[in-house]
Amino acid sequence: MNKAITLNEAVTYSIGETSERTGLPRDTIRYYEKIGLLQRAERKDNRHRVYDQADIDRMKMITCLKKTGMSLDDMRPYLDNATLNPEERPELYGLFEQHRAKIAAQMESLQQILDFIDTAMMRRTKPEGNCELKGDVKRMPLQKL
C-alpha cells in the first residue's frame, strides 16, 4: 500500500488507496463523482485524483445507505445534511421513518419465507395447500422445493 500524500498539509489518498479503505471499486468512485454524490476530487499536479478523510467518510455513508436499499437519488438529502433531528428537519426525518418501515416490512416478509421453508424442511415434504405469506414478497420469490 502506498503512503498517503500530503497536499496543503492535509492527508490525502490516491484513488487506489481510497478504494481499499472504502471497499468501493475505482469506477464506482468516479461514477459517484460524475453524478454528484461526491464532490469532484482534488487533483495532484499530474492530474491524479486525491481524496481526504471527509471524502472517505462520505463514501462509507453512501455504502451504508445502499445496504439499506435506498436509491442513490433518495440518499442525496441525507448526505447533504448533518442531522436527522425531527425538530430541525421534519421532512427528512419523516422520509427516513418511511424507509425504516419499508425495511421492517421486508424483514417480516423474509421471516415468513424462512418459517415456510423451515416448516417444509421439518416435514420433509412439499408444503400442502396455498402459501399464506403476507406482505410484499415480490422482491424475494419463493423457489420450488
C-alpha atoms as a PDB file:
ATOM      1  CA  MET A   1       0.000   0.000   0.000  1.00  0.00           C
ATOM      2  CA  ASN A   2       1.257   3.456  -0.866  1.00  0.00           C
ATOM      3  CA  LYS A   3       1.789   6.100   1.744  1.00  0.00           C
ATOM      4  CA  ALA A   4      -0.797   8.835   1.995  1.00  0.00           C
ATOM      5  CA  ILE A   5       0.011  12.018   0.120  1.00  0.00           C
ATOM      6  CA  THR A   6       0.136  15.343   1.927  1.00  0.00           C
ATOM      7  CA  LEU A   7      -1.440  18.139  -0.101  1.00  0.00           C
ATOM      8  CA  ASN A   8      -1.624  21.563   1.589  1.00  0.00           C
ATOM      9  CA  GLU A   9      -0.915  19.946   4.987  1.00  0.00           C
ATOM     10  CA  ALA A  10      -3.968  17.659   4.715  1.00  0.00           C
ATOM     11  CA  VAL A  11      -3.538  13.901   4.427  1.00  0.00           C
ATOM     12  CA  THR A  12      -4.910  12.668   1.129  1.00  0.00           C
ATOM     13  CA  TYR A  13      -5.189   9.295  -0.543  1.00  0.00           C
ATOM     14  CA  SER A  14      -4.942   8.122  -4.130  1.00  0.00           C
ATOM     15  CA  ILE A  15      -7.990   6.601  -5.776  1.00  0.00           C
ATOM     16  CA  GLY A  16      -6.480   3.140  -5.256  1.00  0.00           C
ATOM     17  CA  GLU A  17      -5.945   3.742  -1.539  1.00  0.00           C
ATOM     18  CA  THR A  18      -9.413   5.232  -1.270  1.00  0.00           C
ATOM     19  CA  SER A  19     -10.840   2.172  -2.988  1.00  0.00           C
ATOM     20  CA  GLU A  20      -9.063  -0.078  -0.481  1.00  0.00           C
ATOM     21  CA  ARG A  21     -10.255   1.991   2.501  1.00  0.00           C
ATOM     22  CA  THR A  22     -13.902   2.135   1.369  1.00  0.00           C
ATOM     23  CA  GLY A  23     -14.320  -1.159  -0.457  1.00  0.00           C
ATOM     24  CA  LEU A  24     -15.655   0.716  -3.482  1.00  0.00           C
ATOM     25  CA  PRO A  25     -14.244  -0.030  -6.932  1.00  0.00           C
ATOM     26  CA  ARG A  26     -12.413   2.856  -8.595  1.00  0.00           C
ATOM     27  CA  ASP A  27     -15.040   3.055 -11.346  1.00  0.00           C
ATOM     28  CA  THR A  28     -17.783   3.416  -8.721  1.00  0.00           C
ATOM     29  CA  ILE A  29     -15.913   6.262  -7.039  1.00  0.00           C
ATOM     30  CA  ARG A  30     -15.573   8.006 -10.404  1.00  0.00           C
ATOM     31  CA  TYR A  31     -19.283   7.394 -11.108  1.00  0.00           C
ATOM     32  CA  TYR A  32     -20.314   8.896  -7.763  1.00  0.00           C
ATOM     33  CA  GLU A  33     -18.305  11.987  -8.666  1.00  0.00           C
ATOM     34  CA  LYS A  34     -19.885  12.129 -12.109  1.00  0.00           C
ATOM     35  CA  ILE A  35     -23.462  12.040 -10.729  1.00  0.00           C
ATOM     36  CA  GLY A  36     -22.664  14.485  -7.921  1.00  0.00           C
ATOM     37  CA  LEU A  37     -22.881  12.193  -4.873  1.00  0.00           C
ATOM     38  CA  LEU A  38     -19.234  13.078  -4.266  1.00  0.00           C
ATOM     39  CA  GLN A  39     -17.577  16.399  -4.882  1.00  0.00           C
ATOM     40  CA  ARG A  40     -15.087  16.436  -7.706  1.00  0.00           C
ATOM     41  CA  ALA A  41     -11.817  15.150  -6.324  1.00  0.00           C
ATOM     42  CA  GLU A  42      -8.868  17.433  -5.912  1.00  0.00           C
ATOM     43  CA  ARG A  43      -6.076  16.701  -8.350  1.00  0.00           C
ATOM     44  CA  LYS A  44      -2.339  16.481  -7.967  1.00  0.00           C
ATOM     45  CA  ASP A  45      -0.081  18.196 -10.482  1.00  0.00           C
ATOM     46  CA  ASN A  46      -0.133  15.015 -12.586  1.00  0.00           C
ATOM     47  CA  ARG A  47      -3.989  15.212 -12.639  1.00  0.00           C
ATOM     48  CA  HIS A  48      -4.420  12.101 -10.470  1.00  0.00           C
ATOM     49  CA  ARG A  49      -7.357  12.248  -8.093  1.00  0.00           C
ATOM     50  CA  VAL A  50      -6.752  12.561  -4.359  1.00  0.00           C
ATOM     51  CA  TYR A  51      -9.282  12.151  -1.540  1.00  0.00           C
ATOM     52  CA  ASP A  52      -9.281  13.191   2.101  1.00  0.00           C
ATOM     53  CA  GLN A  53     -10.837  11.575   5.166  1.00  0.00           C
ATOM     54  CA  ALA A  54     -14.100  13.506   4.717  1.00  0.00           C
ATOM     55  CA  ASP A  55     -14.432  12.022   1.217  1.00  0.00           C
ATOM     56  CA  ILE A  56     -13.796   8.530   2.589  1.00  0.00           C
ATOM     57  CA  ASP A  57     -16.374   9.048   5.349  1.00  0.00           C
ATOM     58  CA  ARG A  58     -18.948  10.164   2.779  1.00  0.00           C
ATOM     59  CA  MET A  59     -18.243   7.102   0.618  1.00  0.00           C
ATOM     60  CA  LYS A  60     -18.724   4.865   3.654  1.00  0.00           C
ATOM     61  CA  MET A  61     -22.056   6.593   4.362  1.00  0.00           C
ATOM     62  CA  ILE A  62     -23.144   6.006   0.749  1.00  0.00           C
ATOM     63  CA  THR A  63     -22.253   2.321   1.125  1.00  0.00           C
ATOM     64  CA  CYS A  64     -24.211   2.099   4.366  1.00  0.00           C
ATOM     65  CA  LEU A  65     -27.293   3.759   2.883  1.00  0.00           C
ATOM     66  CA  LYS A  66     -27.086   1.496  -0.182  1.00  0.00           C
ATOM     67  CA  LYS A  67     -27.149  -1.522   2.118  1.00  0.00           C
ATOM     68  CA  THR A  68     -30.491  -0.290   3.441  1.00  0.00           C
ATOM     69  CA  GLY A  69     -31.875  -0.494  -0.086  1.00  0.00           C
ATOM     70  CA  MET A  70     -32.004   3.260  -0.552  1.00  0.00           C
ATOM     71  CA  SER A  71     -31.573   4.524  -4.104  1.00  0.00           C
ATOM     72  CA  LEU A  72     -28.723   6.879  -4.936  1.00  0.00           C
ATOM     73  CA  ASP A  73     -31.203   9.693  -5.630  1.00  0.00           C
ATOM     74  CA  ASP A  74     -33.058   9.144  -2.354  1.00  0.00           C
ATOM     75  CA  MET A  75     -29.874   9.300  -0.290  1.00  0.00           C
ATOM     76  CA  ARG A  76     -28.812  12.743  -1.504  1.00  0.00           C
ATOM     77  CA  PRO A  77     -30.721  14.659   1.222  1.00  0.00           C
ATOM     78  CA  TYR A  78     -29.176  12.500   3.968  1.00  0.00           C
ATOM     79  CA  LEU A  79     -25.675  13.011   2.635  1.00  0.00           C
ATOM     80  CA  ASP A  80     -26.094  16.766   2.448  1.00  0.00           C
ATOM     81  CA  ASN A  81     -27.472  17.229   5.967  1.00  0.00           C
ATOM     82  CA  ALA A  82     -25.683  16.678   9.229  1.00  0.00           C
ATOM     83  CA  THR A  83     -28.796  15.982  11.289  1.00  0.00           C
ATOM     84  CA  LEU A  84     -31.876  13.805  11.300  1.00  0.00           C
ATOM     85  CA  ASN A  85     -33.327  15.794  14.188  1.00  0.00           C
ATOM     86  CA  PRO A  86     -37.117  15.802  13.691  1.00  0.00           C
ATOM     87  CA  GLU A  87     -37.388  19.354  15.043  1.00  0.00           C
ATOM     88  CA  GLU A  88     -34.788  20.695  12.604  1.00  0.00           C
ATOM     89  CA  ARG A  89     -35.587  18.579   9.539  1.00  0.00           C
ATOM     90  CA  PRO A  90     -39.061  17.014   9.935  1.00  0.00           C
ATOM     91  CA  GLU A  91     -39.367  16.153   6.225  1.00  0.00           C
ATOM     92  CA  LEU A  92     -36.015  14.363   6.205  1.00  0.00           C
ATOM     93  CA  TYR A  93     -36.800  12.556   9.440  1.00  0.00           C
ATOM     94  CA  GLY A  94     -40.173  11.508   8.006  1.00  0.00           C
ATOM     95  CA  LEU A  95     -38.555  10.087   4.873  1.00  0.00           C
ATOM     96  CA  PHE A  96     -36.133   8.107   6.995  1.00  0.00           C
ATOM     97  CA  GLU A  97     -39.033   6.784   9.101  1.00  0.00           C
ATOM     98  CA  GLN A  98     -40.807   5.659   5.916  1.00  0.00           C
ATOM     99  CA  HIS A  99     -37.652   3.953   4.689  1.00  0.00           C
ATOM    100  CA  ARG A 100     -37.283   2.189   8.028  1.00  0.00           C
ATOM    101  CA  ALA A 101     -40.903   0.991   7.914  1.00  0.00           C
ATOM    102  CA  LYS A 102     -40.354  -0.382   4.415  1.00  0.00           C
ATOM    103  CA  ILE A 103     -37.291  -2.326   5.567  1.00  0.00           C
ATOM    104  CA  ALA A 104     -39.154  -3.642   8.635  1.00  0.00           C
ATOM    105  CA  ALA A 105     -41.946  -4.912   6.360  1.00  0.00           C
ATOM    106  CA  GLN A 106     -39.396  -6.600   4.099  1.00  0.00           C
ATOM    107  CA  MET A 107     -37.809  -8.253   7.130  1.00  0.00           C
ATOM    108  CA  GLU A 108     -41.210  -9.524   8.240  1.00  0.00           C
ATOM    109  CA  SER A 109     -41.817 -10.976   4.774  1.00  0.00           C
ATOM    110  CA  LEU A 110     -38.403 -12.610   4.775  1.00  0.00           C
ATOM    111  CA  GLN A 111     -39.067 -14.114   8.218  1.00  0.00           C
ATOM    112  CA  GLN A 112     -42.333 -15.560   6.906  1.00  0.00           C
ATOM    113  CA  ILE A 113     -40.444 -17.091   3.999  1.00  0.00           C
ATOM    114  CA  LEU A 114     -37.862 -18.592   6.375  1.00  0.00           C
ATOM    115  CA  ASP A 115     -40.638 -20.031   8.555  1.00  0.00           C
ATOM    116  CA  PHE A 116     -42.300 -21.506   5.456  1.00  0.00           C
ATOM    117  CA  ILE A 117     -39.031 -23.121   4.353  1.00  0.00           C
ATOM    118  CA  ASP A 118     -38.252 -24.388   7.858  1.00  0.00           C
ATOM    119  CA  THR A 119     -41.699 -25.992   8.101  1.00  0.00           C
ATOM    120  CA  ALA A 120     -41.271 -27.679   4.733  1.00  0.00           C
ATOM    121  CA  MET A 121     -37.834 -28.972   5.723  1.00  0.00           C
ATOM    122  CA  MET A 122     -39.112 -30.320   9.063  1.00  0.00           C
ATOM    123  CA  ARG A 123     -41.942 -32.172   7.303  1.00  0.00           C
ATOM    124  CA  ARG A 124     -39.516 -33.351   4.623  1.00  0.00           C
ATOM    125  CA  THR A 125     -42.291 -32.969   2.108  1.00  0.00           C
ATOM    126  CA  LYS A 126     -43.555 -30.356  -0.248  1.00  0.00           C
ATOM    127  CA  PRO A 127     -45.883 -27.925   1.593  1.00  0.00           C
ATOM    128  CA  GLU A 128     -49.568 -28.608   1.062  1.00  0.00           C
ATOM    129  CA  GLY A 129     -52.205 -26.035   0.205  1.00  0.00           C
ATOM    130  CA  ASN A 130     -51.754 -22.375  -0.564  1.00  0.00           C
ATOM    131  CA  CYS A 131     -48.843 -20.373   0.692  1.00  0.00           C
ATOM    132  CA  GLU A 132     -50.254 -17.793   3.076  1.00  0.00           C
ATOM    133  CA  LEU A 133     -47.413 -15.308   3.154  1.00  0.00           C
ATOM    134  CA  LYS A 134     -48.348 -11.703   3.851  1.00  0.00           C
ATOM    135  CA  GLY A 135     -46.714  -8.521   2.717  1.00  0.00           C
ATOM    136  CA  ASP A 136     -44.548  -7.730  -0.276  1.00  0.00           C
ATOM    137  CA  VAL A 137     -42.813 -10.926  -1.322  1.00  0.00           C
ATOM    138  CA  LYS A 138     -42.443  -9.917  -4.952  1.00  0.00           C
ATOM    139  CA  ARG A 139     -38.797  -8.999  -4.368  1.00  0.00           C
ATOM    140  CA  MET A 140     -37.999 -12.432  -2.943  1.00  0.00           C
ATOM    141  CA  PRO A 141     -39.997 -15.024  -4.906  1.00  0.00           C
ATOM    142  CA  LEU A 142     -40.333 -18.495  -3.474  1.00  0.00           C
ATOM    143  CA  GLN A 143     -38.278 -21.173  -5.137  1.00  0.00           C
ATOM    144  CA  LYS A 144     -39.738 -24.576  -5.880  1.00  0.00           C
ATOM    145  CA  LEU A 145     -38.776 -27.061  -3.200  1.00  0.00           C
END
